[in-house]
N, C-alpha and C. Protein backbone atom coordinates (compact mmCIF):
# COMPACT_ATOMS: atom_id res chain seq x y z
N MET A 1 0.73 -1.08 0.00
CA MET A 1 0.12 0.07 -0.17
C MET A 1 1.04 1.20 0.10
N LYS A 2 0.70 2.15 -0.73
CA LYS A 2 1.30 3.24 -0.75
C LYS A 2 0.90 4.36 0.19
N HIS A 3 2.02 4.82 0.79
CA HIS A 3 1.27 5.96 2.03
C HIS A 3 0.45 7.41 1.63
N SER A 4 0.68 7.51 0.11
CA SER A 4 -0.20 8.44 -0.25
C SER A 4 -1.75 8.19 -0.40
N GLU A 5 -1.91 7.05 -0.11
CA GLU A 5 -3.19 6.51 -0.66
C GLU A 5 -4.08 6.67 0.85
N THR A 6 -5.61 7.33 0.57
CA THR A 6 -5.95 7.35 1.55
C THR A 6 -6.82 6.26 2.17
N ILE A 7 -6.79 5.91 3.59
CA ILE A 7 -7.34 4.82 4.32
C ILE A 7 -8.46 5.03 4.77
N LYS A 8 -9.57 4.35 4.50
CA LYS A 8 -11.03 4.63 4.87
C LYS A 8 -11.03 3.78 6.04
N PRO A 9 -12.01 4.68 7.12
CA PRO A 9 -12.08 3.91 8.34
C PRO A 9 -12.29 2.53 8.40
N ALA A 10 -13.05 2.01 7.42
CA ALA A 10 -13.32 0.37 7.48
C ALA A 10 -12.08 -0.33 7.08
N ALA A 11 -11.32 0.49 6.27
CA ALA A 11 -9.82 -0.24 6.22
C ALA A 11 -9.25 -0.53 7.48
N LEU A 12 -9.25 0.39 8.43
CA LEU A 12 -8.37 0.09 9.45
C LEU A 12 -9.27 -0.68 10.61
N ARG A 13 -10.44 -0.83 10.27
CA ARG A 13 -11.38 -1.45 11.61
C ARG A 13 -11.28 -2.97 11.18
N LYS A 14 -11.20 -3.55 12.51
CA LYS A 14 -11.13 -4.98 12.93
C LYS A 14 -12.09 -5.53 13.77
N SER A 15 -12.56 -6.73 13.44
CA SER A 15 -13.39 -7.14 14.84
C SER A 15 -12.70 -7.81 15.55
N GLY A 16 -12.77 -7.53 16.89
CA GLY A 16 -11.79 -8.28 17.66
C GLY A 16 -10.54 -8.03 17.94
N TYR A 17 -10.05 -6.83 17.98
CA TYR A 17 -8.67 -6.29 17.97
C TYR A 17 -7.76 -7.14 18.92
N HIS A 18 -6.54 -7.63 18.32
CA HIS A 18 -5.55 -8.08 19.18
C HIS A 18 -4.61 -7.03 19.83
N HIS A 19 -3.95 -7.00 20.97
CA HIS A 19 -3.11 -6.28 21.76
C HIS A 19 -2.30 -5.36 20.73
N GLY A 20 -1.67 -6.07 19.79
CA GLY A 20 -0.76 -5.53 18.86
C GLY A 20 -1.37 -4.76 17.90
N ASP A 21 -2.66 -5.28 17.46
CA ASP A 21 -3.45 -4.81 16.22
C ASP A 21 -3.93 -3.40 16.62
N LEU A 22 -4.54 -3.25 18.03
CA LEU A 22 -5.10 -2.09 18.40
C LEU A 22 -4.04 -0.95 18.38
N ARG A 23 -2.76 -1.31 18.80
CA ARG A 23 -1.91 -0.29 19.02
C ARG A 23 -1.31 0.28 17.70
N SER A 24 -1.05 -0.72 16.77
CA SER A 24 -0.53 -0.43 15.39
C SER A 24 -1.99 0.39 14.71
N GLY A 25 -2.85 -0.25 14.78
CA GLY A 25 -4.03 0.53 14.09
C GLY A 25 -4.23 2.13 14.43
N LEU A 26 -4.16 2.46 15.88
CA LEU A 26 -4.11 3.85 16.35
C LEU A 26 -2.90 4.63 15.79
N ILE A 27 -1.72 3.94 15.81
CA ILE A 27 -0.41 4.84 15.13
C ILE A 27 -0.77 4.86 13.81
N GLU A 28 -1.23 4.14 12.94
CA GLU A 28 -1.70 4.27 11.46
C GLU A 28 -2.67 5.17 11.36
N ALA A 29 -3.61 5.31 12.37
CA ALA A 29 -4.56 6.13 11.97
C ALA A 29 -4.07 7.76 12.37
N THR A 30 -3.10 7.61 13.27
CA THR A 30 -2.69 9.25 13.66
C THR A 30 -1.54 9.50 12.73
N ARG A 31 -0.91 8.58 12.11
CA ARG A 31 -0.07 8.56 10.79
C ARG A 31 -0.98 9.51 9.78
N GLN A 32 -2.22 9.18 9.15
CA GLN A 32 -2.80 9.48 8.03
C GLN A 32 -3.41 10.89 8.59
N LEU A 33 -3.63 10.90 9.95
CA LEU A 33 -4.31 12.27 10.28
C LEU A 33 -3.41 13.35 10.22
N VAL A 34 -2.06 12.94 10.56
CA VAL A 34 -0.84 14.03 10.69
C VAL A 34 -0.88 14.65 9.25
N GLU A 35 -0.44 13.61 8.44
CA GLU A 35 -0.56 13.69 6.89
C GLU A 35 -1.92 14.67 6.39
N GLU A 36 -2.94 14.27 6.62
CA GLU A 36 -3.98 15.35 6.09
C GLU A 36 -4.45 16.45 6.86
N LYS A 37 -4.22 16.85 8.18
CA LYS A 37 -4.69 17.73 8.76
C LYS A 37 -3.51 18.62 9.66
N GLY A 38 -2.48 17.72 9.62
CA GLY A 38 -1.34 18.08 10.74
C GLY A 38 -1.47 17.86 12.01
N PRO A 39 -0.59 17.80 12.93
CA PRO A 39 -0.48 17.54 14.20
C PRO A 39 -1.74 18.13 15.11
N ASP A 40 -1.92 19.29 14.77
CA ASP A 40 -2.82 19.95 15.66
C ASP A 40 -4.11 20.11 15.07
N GLY A 41 -4.59 19.61 14.08
CA GLY A 41 -5.82 19.25 13.30
C GLY A 41 -6.69 18.36 13.63
N PHE A 42 -6.26 17.49 14.71
CA PHE A 42 -7.36 16.47 14.85
C PHE A 42 -7.16 16.04 16.30
N SER A 43 -8.01 15.52 16.61
CA SER A 43 -8.12 14.93 18.24
C SER A 43 -8.07 13.34 18.42
N VAL A 44 -7.81 13.15 19.61
CA VAL A 44 -7.78 11.68 20.07
C VAL A 44 -9.09 10.87 19.41
N SER A 45 -9.97 11.53 19.65
CA SER A 45 -11.38 10.86 18.86
C SER A 45 -11.59 10.45 17.48
N ASP A 46 -10.52 11.71 16.62
CA ASP A 46 -10.76 11.33 15.28
C ASP A 46 -10.01 10.02 14.95
N ALA A 47 -8.78 9.83 15.74
CA ALA A 47 -7.98 8.83 15.58
C ALA A 47 -8.81 7.48 15.79
N CYS A 48 -9.55 7.58 16.86
CA CYS A 48 -10.26 6.34 17.44
C CYS A 48 -11.53 6.07 15.92
N ARG A 49 -12.09 7.17 15.89
CA ARG A 49 -13.15 7.10 14.41
C ARG A 49 -12.59 6.43 13.45
N LEU A 50 -11.18 6.94 12.95
CA LEU A 50 -10.55 6.35 11.84
C LEU A 50 -10.26 4.80 11.98
N ALA A 51 -9.70 4.39 13.31
CA ALA A 51 -9.26 3.26 13.57
C ALA A 51 -10.49 2.32 13.88
N GLY A 52 -11.74 2.90 14.07
CA GLY A 52 -12.72 2.21 14.23
C GLY A 52 -12.79 1.33 15.72
N VAL A 53 -12.31 2.18 16.56
CA VAL A 53 -12.26 1.64 18.08
C VAL A 53 -13.02 2.87 18.88
N SER A 54 -13.26 2.40 20.23
CA SER A 54 -13.93 3.16 20.88
C SER A 54 -12.96 4.36 21.72
N THR A 55 -13.39 5.26 22.18
CA THR A 55 -12.42 6.56 22.56
C THR A 55 -11.75 6.09 23.90
N ALA A 56 -12.26 5.21 24.33
CA ALA A 56 -11.37 4.43 25.66
C ALA A 56 -10.26 3.69 25.17
N ALA A 57 -10.39 3.24 24.06
CA ALA A 57 -9.28 2.08 23.46
C ALA A 57 -7.47 2.52 23.41
N PRO A 58 -7.54 3.78 23.07
CA PRO A 58 -6.31 4.30 23.06
C PRO A 58 -5.60 4.48 24.46
N TYR A 59 -5.95 4.68 25.48
CA TYR A 59 -5.53 4.59 26.95
C TYR A 59 -5.09 3.37 27.32
N LYS A 60 -5.49 2.39 26.71
CA LYS A 60 -4.75 1.27 27.00
C LYS A 60 -3.10 0.89 26.83
N HIS A 61 -2.58 1.97 25.73
CA HIS A 61 -1.54 2.01 25.12
C HIS A 61 -0.82 3.50 25.27
N PHE A 62 -1.65 4.22 25.46
CA PHE A 62 -0.93 6.06 25.01
C PHE A 62 -1.81 6.63 26.46
N LYS A 63 -0.84 7.38 26.85
CA LYS A 63 -1.44 8.36 28.05
C LYS A 63 -2.21 9.59 27.43
N ASP A 64 -1.84 10.21 26.45
CA ASP A 64 -2.38 11.16 25.71
C ASP A 64 -2.29 11.16 24.31
N LYS A 65 -2.90 12.29 23.40
CA LYS A 65 -2.31 12.19 21.86
C LYS A 65 -0.80 12.69 21.71
N ALA A 66 -0.22 13.63 22.62
CA ALA A 66 1.13 13.64 22.41
C ALA A 66 1.94 12.32 22.14
N GLU A 67 1.68 11.36 23.19
CA GLU A 67 2.34 10.11 23.15
C GLU A 67 2.02 9.33 21.78
N MET A 68 0.71 9.40 21.41
CA MET A 68 0.55 8.73 20.15
C MET A 68 1.20 9.36 18.95
N ILE A 69 1.50 10.62 18.96
CA ILE A 69 2.09 11.42 17.47
C ILE A 69 3.40 10.86 18.25
N THR A 70 4.17 11.08 19.38
CA THR A 70 5.59 10.54 19.38
C THR A 70 5.96 8.99 19.16
N GLU A 71 4.83 8.01 19.27
CA GLU A 71 5.23 6.56 18.81
C GLU A 71 4.88 6.42 17.30
N MET A 72 4.19 7.57 17.01
CA MET A 72 4.05 7.47 15.13
C MET A 72 5.10 7.98 14.62
N VAL A 73 5.71 9.03 15.38
CA VAL A 73 7.08 9.44 14.84
C VAL A 73 8.05 8.65 14.76
N MET A 74 8.31 7.86 16.11
CA MET A 74 9.18 6.98 16.27
C MET A 74 9.25 5.49 15.05
N GLU A 75 7.69 5.12 14.78
CA GLU A 75 7.41 4.24 14.12
C GLU A 75 7.97 4.82 12.45
N GLY A 76 7.74 5.72 12.24
CA GLY A 76 8.17 6.39 10.89
C GLY A 76 9.69 6.65 10.98
N MET A 77 10.31 6.95 11.91
CA MET A 77 11.98 6.75 11.94
C MET A 77 12.50 5.53 11.80
N VAL A 78 11.85 4.87 12.69
CA VAL A 78 12.50 3.20 12.05
C VAL A 78 12.29 2.74 10.75
N ARG A 79 11.04 2.84 10.19
CA ARG A 79 10.70 2.63 8.97
C ARG A 79 11.40 3.26 7.79
N HIS A 80 11.92 4.40 8.01
CA HIS A 80 12.49 5.37 7.43
C HIS A 80 14.19 4.77 7.10
N ARG A 81 14.47 4.24 8.32
CA ARG A 81 15.85 3.53 8.37
C ARG A 81 15.67 2.33 7.66
N ASP A 82 14.93 1.54 7.74
CA ASP A 82 14.76 0.23 7.33
C ASP A 82 14.65 0.37 5.61
N ASN A 83 13.68 1.52 4.98
CA ASN A 83 13.87 1.79 3.80
C ASN A 83 15.20 2.12 3.19
N MET A 84 15.97 2.68 3.74
CA MET A 84 17.26 3.08 3.40
C MET A 84 18.15 1.94 3.09
N VAL A 85 17.99 0.87 4.10
CA VAL A 85 18.57 -0.18 4.03
C VAL A 85 18.39 -1.02 3.03
N ALA A 86 16.90 -1.31 2.75
CA ALA A 86 16.64 -1.88 1.72
C ALA A 86 17.00 -1.39 0.35
N ALA A 87 17.05 0.20 0.26
CA ALA A 87 17.30 0.62 -1.12
C ALA A 87 18.77 0.39 -1.77
N LEU A 88 19.67 -0.15 -0.63
CA LEU A 88 20.87 -0.65 -1.07
C LEU A 88 20.95 -1.99 -1.94
N GLU A 89 20.21 -2.72 -1.92
CA GLU A 89 19.87 -4.06 -1.78
C GLU A 89 20.25 -4.19 -3.42
N GLY A 90 21.39 -5.07 -3.82
CA GLY A 90 21.69 -5.31 -5.25
C GLY A 90 22.63 -4.49 -5.92
N ILE A 91 22.98 -3.18 -5.18
CA ILE A 91 24.05 -2.32 -5.69
C ILE A 91 25.41 -2.68 -5.21
N PRO A 92 26.53 -2.71 -5.94
CA PRO A 92 27.93 -3.11 -5.42
C PRO A 92 28.40 -2.15 -4.52
N PRO A 93 28.89 -2.77 -3.31
CA PRO A 93 29.68 -2.22 -2.15
C PRO A 93 30.61 -1.37 -2.74
N GLY A 94 30.74 -0.10 -2.05
CA GLY A 94 31.61 1.07 -2.58
C GLY A 94 31.36 1.69 -3.73
N SER A 95 30.05 1.32 -4.08
CA SER A 95 29.61 2.22 -5.41
C SER A 95 29.01 3.49 -5.06
N PRO A 96 29.26 4.76 -5.64
CA PRO A 96 28.58 5.74 -5.56
C PRO A 96 26.95 5.59 -5.99
N GLU A 97 26.80 4.86 -6.48
CA GLU A 97 25.28 4.40 -6.64
C GLU A 97 24.45 4.17 -5.47
N ARG A 98 25.23 3.84 -4.44
CA ARG A 98 24.65 3.40 -3.24
C ARG A 98 24.34 4.81 -2.48
N ILE A 99 25.28 5.76 -2.51
CA ILE A 99 24.97 6.99 -1.96
C ILE A 99 23.66 7.44 -2.65
N LYS A 100 23.78 7.44 -3.85
CA LYS A 100 22.38 7.96 -4.70
C LYS A 100 21.20 7.45 -4.03
N ALA A 101 21.39 6.17 -4.07
CA ALA A 101 20.09 5.40 -3.51
C ALA A 101 19.69 6.00 -2.30
N LEU A 102 20.57 6.17 -1.60
CA LEU A 102 20.17 6.42 0.00
C LEU A 102 19.65 8.12 -0.08
N GLY A 103 19.95 8.82 -0.91
CA GLY A 103 19.53 10.33 -1.19
C GLY A 103 18.27 10.29 -1.86
N ARG A 104 18.02 9.16 -2.70
CA ARG A 104 16.72 9.06 -3.46
C ARG A 104 15.81 8.68 -2.46
N GLU A 105 15.84 7.98 -1.76
CA GLU A 105 15.10 7.45 -0.72
C GLU A 105 14.95 8.33 0.33
N TYR A 106 15.63 9.02 0.84
CA TYR A 106 15.51 10.30 1.97
C TYR A 106 14.59 11.24 1.04
N VAL A 107 14.83 11.45 -0.02
CA VAL A 107 14.07 12.61 -0.54
C VAL A 107 12.35 11.96 -0.60
N MET A 108 12.45 10.86 -1.16
CA MET A 108 10.94 10.12 -1.29
C MET A 108 10.24 9.92 -0.42
N PHE A 109 10.98 9.71 0.89
CA PHE A 109 10.25 9.62 2.03
C PHE A 109 9.72 10.98 2.65
N ALA A 110 10.87 11.81 2.62
CA ALA A 110 10.00 13.31 2.72
C ALA A 110 8.96 13.72 1.86
N LEU A 111 8.83 13.16 0.65
CA LEU A 111 7.68 13.97 -0.50
C LEU A 111 6.51 13.02 -0.21
N THR A 112 6.81 11.69 0.00
CA THR A 112 5.27 11.01 0.41
C THR A 112 4.91 11.07 1.83
N GLU A 113 5.68 11.31 2.56
CA GLU A 113 5.07 11.55 4.06
C GLU A 113 5.59 12.94 4.87
N PRO A 114 5.00 14.05 4.22
CA PRO A 114 5.71 15.22 4.35
C PRO A 114 5.37 15.70 5.89
N GLY A 115 4.08 15.43 6.55
CA GLY A 115 3.80 15.42 7.66
C GLY A 115 4.66 15.16 8.75
N LEU A 116 5.06 13.77 8.49
CA LEU A 116 5.93 13.23 9.62
C LEU A 116 7.28 13.57 9.16
N PHE A 117 7.83 13.94 8.26
CA PHE A 117 9.17 14.51 7.88
C PHE A 117 9.26 15.89 8.59
N ARG A 118 7.96 16.65 8.79
CA ARG A 118 8.30 18.01 9.34
C ARG A 118 8.31 17.66 10.77
N LEU A 119 7.41 16.94 11.33
CA LEU A 119 7.47 16.70 12.93
C LEU A 119 8.65 16.08 13.15
N LYS A 120 9.43 15.21 12.51
CA LYS A 120 10.66 14.55 12.64
C LYS A 120 11.69 15.80 13.07
N PHE A 121 11.87 16.77 11.73
CA PHE A 121 12.58 17.79 11.90
C PHE A 121 12.34 19.09 12.19
N GLY A 122 11.15 19.19 12.71
CA GLY A 122 10.46 20.63 12.73
C GLY A 122 10.60 20.99 14.26
N GLY A 123 11.06 20.32 15.10
CA GLY A 123 11.19 20.92 16.53
C GLY A 123 10.42 19.89 17.54
N PHE A 124 9.51 19.08 16.90
CA PHE A 124 8.59 18.21 17.40
C PHE A 124 9.31 17.18 18.69
N THR A 125 10.30 16.61 17.85
CA THR A 125 11.30 15.50 18.82
C THR A 125 12.20 16.52 19.84
N ASP A 126 12.38 17.60 19.54
CA ASP A 126 13.43 18.32 20.33
C ASP A 126 12.97 18.18 21.88
N GLY A 127 11.50 18.43 21.93
CA GLY A 127 10.84 18.44 23.15
C GLY A 127 10.53 17.10 23.78
N CYS A 128 10.82 16.00 22.87
CA CYS A 128 10.39 14.52 23.26
C CYS A 128 11.62 14.05 24.17
N ASP A 129 11.57 13.89 25.54
CA ASP A 129 12.52 12.92 26.45
C ASP A 129 12.64 11.76 26.06
N ASP A 130 12.82 11.44 24.83
CA ASP A 130 12.89 10.00 24.33
C ASP A 130 14.43 9.45 23.85
N PRO A 131 15.09 8.79 24.60
CA PRO A 131 16.36 8.31 23.83
C PRO A 131 16.51 7.50 22.56
N ARG A 132 15.16 6.97 22.30
CA ARG A 132 15.10 5.75 21.39
C ARG A 132 15.25 6.87 19.93
N MET A 133 14.44 7.98 20.11
CA MET A 133 14.47 8.70 18.75
C MET A 133 16.01 9.06 18.46
N GLN A 134 16.85 9.35 19.35
CA GLN A 134 18.10 9.91 19.14
C GLN A 134 18.88 8.65 18.81
N ALA A 135 18.63 7.55 19.54
CA ALA A 135 19.32 6.18 18.80
C ALA A 135 18.92 6.11 17.53
N VAL A 136 17.83 5.77 16.82
CA VAL A 136 17.47 5.74 15.82
C VAL A 136 17.97 6.75 14.65
N GLY A 137 17.88 8.12 15.15
CA GLY A 137 18.54 9.03 14.31
C GLY A 137 19.82 8.81 13.99
N GLU A 138 20.75 8.50 15.10
CA GLU A 138 22.34 8.28 14.79
C GLU A 138 22.24 7.02 14.24
N ALA A 139 21.56 5.81 14.30
CA ALA A 139 21.72 4.71 13.38
C ALA A 139 21.44 4.68 12.18
N THR A 140 20.55 5.90 11.84
CA THR A 140 20.32 5.94 10.49
C THR A 140 21.44 6.82 9.62
N PHE A 141 21.82 7.78 10.32
CA PHE A 141 23.02 8.39 9.79
C PHE A 141 24.19 7.50 9.85
N GLU A 142 24.46 6.58 10.65
CA GLU A 142 25.51 5.55 10.51
C GLU A 142 25.37 4.93 9.30
N ILE A 143 24.46 4.57 8.81
CA ILE A 143 24.16 3.70 7.36
C ILE A 143 25.16 4.68 6.34
N VAL A 144 24.77 6.20 6.18
CA VAL A 144 25.45 6.96 5.41
C VAL A 144 26.94 6.91 5.65
N LEU A 145 27.14 7.34 6.74
CA LEU A 145 28.71 7.13 6.88
C LEU A 145 29.50 6.05 6.48
N ARG A 146 28.73 4.73 6.83
CA ARG A 146 29.48 3.51 6.57
C ARG A 146 29.56 3.45 5.11
N GLU A 147 28.86 3.99 4.40
CA GLU A 147 28.88 3.97 2.97
C GLU A 147 29.66 4.97 2.17
N VAL A 148 29.76 5.98 2.87
CA VAL A 148 30.83 7.08 2.57
C VAL A 148 32.29 6.43 2.75
N ALA A 149 32.24 6.05 3.92
CA ALA A 149 33.70 5.28 4.38
C ALA A 149 34.12 4.14 3.19
N GLN A 150 33.34 3.29 2.80
CA GLN A 150 33.42 2.49 1.80
C GLN A 150 33.88 2.88 0.58
N CYS A 151 33.20 4.21 0.10
CA CYS A 151 33.51 4.84 -1.29
C CYS A 151 34.73 5.58 -1.24
N ILE A 152 35.27 5.76 -0.16
CA ILE A 152 36.62 6.65 -0.21
C ILE A 152 37.74 5.81 0.33
N GLY A 153 37.34 4.46 0.72
CA GLY A 153 38.40 3.68 0.87
C GLY A 153 38.95 3.52 2.56
N GLU A 154 37.74 4.15 3.38
CA GLU A 154 38.19 3.99 4.87
C GLU A 154 37.53 2.90 5.43
N THR A 155 38.17 2.26 6.62
CA THR A 155 37.75 1.20 7.43
C THR A 155 37.13 1.57 8.58
N THR A 156 37.00 2.98 8.77
CA THR A 156 36.36 3.44 9.88
C THR A 156 35.90 4.82 9.71
N ILE A 157 34.98 5.08 10.78
CA ILE A 157 34.00 6.55 10.36
C ILE A 157 35.34 7.58 10.97
N THR A 158 36.13 8.01 10.08
CA THR A 158 37.02 8.86 10.50
C THR A 158 36.32 10.19 10.31
N PRO A 159 37.02 11.44 10.92
CA PRO A 159 36.51 12.81 10.72
C PRO A 159 36.06 13.29 9.39
N GLU A 160 37.11 12.59 8.59
CA GLU A 160 36.61 13.15 6.89
C GLU A 160 35.61 12.65 6.51
N VAL A 161 35.26 11.11 6.97
CA VAL A 161 34.10 10.66 6.53
C VAL A 161 33.20 11.32 7.15
N ARG A 162 32.95 11.65 8.20
CA ARG A 162 31.58 12.29 8.95
C ARG A 162 31.72 13.49 8.25
N ARG A 163 32.51 14.50 7.83
CA ARG A 163 32.49 15.67 7.45
C ARG A 163 31.72 15.35 5.83
N ARG A 164 32.20 14.56 5.16
CA ARG A 164 31.57 14.28 3.71
C ARG A 164 30.11 13.73 3.84
N GLY A 165 29.67 12.80 5.00
CA GLY A 165 28.56 12.34 5.10
C GLY A 165 27.58 13.32 5.70
N PHE A 166 28.15 14.28 6.61
CA PHE A 166 27.45 15.31 7.00
C PHE A 166 27.01 16.26 6.07
N ALA A 167 27.83 16.59 4.80
CA ALA A 167 27.54 17.45 3.79
C ALA A 167 26.67 17.11 3.08
N LEU A 168 26.44 15.38 2.71
CA LEU A 168 25.72 14.80 2.00
C LEU A 168 24.03 14.99 2.47
N TRP A 169 24.48 14.80 3.88
CA TRP A 169 22.88 14.72 4.61
C TRP A 169 22.41 16.07 4.47
N GLY A 170 23.02 17.17 4.48
CA GLY A 170 22.31 18.67 4.47
C GLY A 170 22.14 18.87 3.14
N PHE A 171 22.73 18.15 1.94
CA PHE A 171 22.20 18.51 0.68
C PHE A 171 20.81 17.93 0.43
N VAL A 172 20.65 16.67 0.79
CA VAL A 172 19.32 15.86 0.51
C VAL A 172 18.40 16.59 1.68
N HIS A 173 18.60 16.92 2.89
CA HIS A 173 17.76 17.29 3.91
C HIS A 173 17.14 18.51 3.39
N GLY A 174 18.00 19.60 2.58
CA GLY A 174 17.65 20.91 2.22
C GLY A 174 16.91 20.65 1.25
N LEU A 175 17.09 20.03 0.08
CA LEU A 175 16.58 19.62 -1.10
C LEU A 175 14.85 18.56 -0.83
N SER A 176 15.06 18.21 0.14
CA SER A 176 13.81 17.63 0.62
C SER A 176 12.64 18.82 0.81
N PHE A 177 13.20 19.55 1.48
CA PHE A 177 12.31 20.73 1.87
C PHE A 177 11.73 21.34 0.86
N LEU A 178 12.88 21.79 -0.10
CA LEU A 178 12.53 22.56 -1.14
C LEU A 178 11.38 21.93 -2.09
N LEU A 179 11.87 20.60 -2.52
CA LEU A 179 10.88 20.01 -3.13
C LEU A 179 9.56 19.97 -2.70
N ALA A 180 9.31 19.72 -1.60
CA ALA A 180 7.99 19.73 -0.98
C ALA A 180 7.37 20.69 -1.01
N ASP A 181 7.92 21.85 -1.32
CA ASP A 181 6.92 23.27 -1.63
C ASP A 181 6.92 23.68 -3.06
N PRO A 182 5.86 23.27 -3.52
CA PRO A 182 5.59 23.47 -4.91
C PRO A 182 6.35 24.73 -5.73
N HIS A 183 6.08 25.94 -4.86
CA HIS A 183 6.64 26.87 -5.23
C HIS A 183 8.00 27.06 -5.41
N LEU A 184 8.83 26.68 -4.31
CA LEU A 184 10.11 26.55 -4.34
C LEU A 184 10.80 25.50 -5.08
N ALA A 185 9.79 24.51 -5.43
CA ALA A 185 10.28 23.54 -6.24
C ALA A 185 10.50 24.01 -7.70
N ASP A 186 9.44 24.75 -8.07
CA ASP A 186 9.33 25.50 -9.51
C ASP A 186 10.76 26.47 -9.90
N MET A 187 11.10 26.61 -8.62
CA MET A 187 12.25 27.44 -8.68
C MET A 187 13.70 26.88 -9.39
N GLY A 188 13.61 25.54 -9.34
CA GLY A 188 14.52 24.49 -9.83
C GLY A 188 14.64 24.54 -11.22
N GLY A 189 13.51 24.95 -11.90
CA GLY A 189 13.48 24.76 -13.28
C GLY A 189 13.31 23.31 -13.74
N GLY A 190 12.60 22.52 -12.92
CA GLY A 190 12.53 21.02 -13.45
C GLY A 190 13.55 20.22 -13.31
N ALA A 191 14.58 20.53 -12.43
CA ALA A 191 15.90 20.00 -12.41
C ALA A 191 15.66 18.32 -11.90
N ASP A 192 16.34 17.54 -12.69
CA ASP A 192 16.31 16.03 -12.53
C ASP A 192 16.88 15.66 -11.24
N LEU A 193 15.87 15.09 -10.41
CA LEU A 193 16.54 14.63 -8.84
C LEU A 193 17.75 13.49 -9.08
N ASP A 194 17.62 12.68 -9.89
CA ASP A 194 18.85 11.65 -10.21
C ASP A 194 20.10 12.52 -10.58
N LEU A 195 19.86 13.12 -11.49
CA LEU A 195 21.20 14.20 -12.17
C LEU A 195 21.70 14.88 -10.69
N MET A 196 20.81 15.48 -10.07
CA MET A 196 21.30 16.25 -8.77
C MET A 196 21.98 15.39 -7.81
N LEU A 197 21.63 14.24 -7.52
CA LEU A 197 22.02 13.03 -6.60
C LEU A 197 23.28 12.69 -7.16
N ASP A 198 23.60 12.39 -8.45
CA ASP A 198 24.29 11.96 -8.77
C ASP A 198 25.82 13.09 -8.90
N GLU A 199 25.32 14.10 -9.14
CA GLU A 199 26.44 15.31 -9.05
C GLU A 199 26.79 15.56 -7.78
N ILE A 200 26.05 15.59 -6.83
CA ILE A 200 26.76 15.87 -5.43
C ILE A 200 27.68 14.48 -4.81
N ALA A 201 26.86 13.16 -5.27
CA ALA A 201 27.83 12.22 -4.66
C ALA A 201 28.91 12.16 -5.26
N GLN A 202 29.14 12.41 -6.70
CA GLN A 202 30.60 12.47 -7.23
C GLN A 202 31.40 13.56 -6.74
N ARG A 203 30.67 14.66 -6.48
CA ARG A 203 31.78 15.96 -5.85
C ARG A 203 32.21 15.27 -4.54
N MET A 204 31.17 14.59 -3.55
CA MET A 204 31.53 14.78 -2.27
C MET A 204 32.38 13.27 -2.16
N LEU A 205 32.33 12.52 -2.97
CA LEU A 205 33.17 11.46 -2.70
C LEU A 205 34.41 11.21 -3.86
N ALA A 206 34.69 12.72 -4.35
CA ALA A 206 35.96 12.41 -5.21
C ALA A 206 37.23 12.59 -4.30
N PRO A 207 38.38 12.12 -4.51
CA PRO A 207 39.44 12.09 -3.97
C PRO A 207 39.83 13.37 -3.60
């Protein structure tokens, strides 16, 4: 299922929820509502209605709406990391194509789930005292650093590897925000994403 597809309440509703299904269903409902209305545009009741559960159901797993959003962001961060790992499958180790694949996945995630992306980097996580988010964020960046190290012939994550990896991250991160805004994206004159990723990868991996 594509994340851009609209999920109707009936699609989330199940008879006789299992423990894990209820939690997952509410997280998915929260994700959809964040994408459609923003984090401030819906209530716990709206999420319950979309998931097809009673208004008391969320409190078996979450203390409030903020915790529901936190868990939704956490699930999205893990999924983002897993998607980046999957994007590398079949591409030869040490190839700049692997860096391009990571960049493409990063941008596409931002474009298909802009609400989640903005929450992840828009200050929401700064107010969350949840070490899991920092751990997942660091693990995701480490994927990039390992690939950069392989591409430039390093066996460890050296300061030079980190410098280049951070520059690559900065490029795709900024590009993601620009492309998510139609007016700003138009200023690029229809620039080709793959060509831009290829150029930045080649420049940052050059000897």
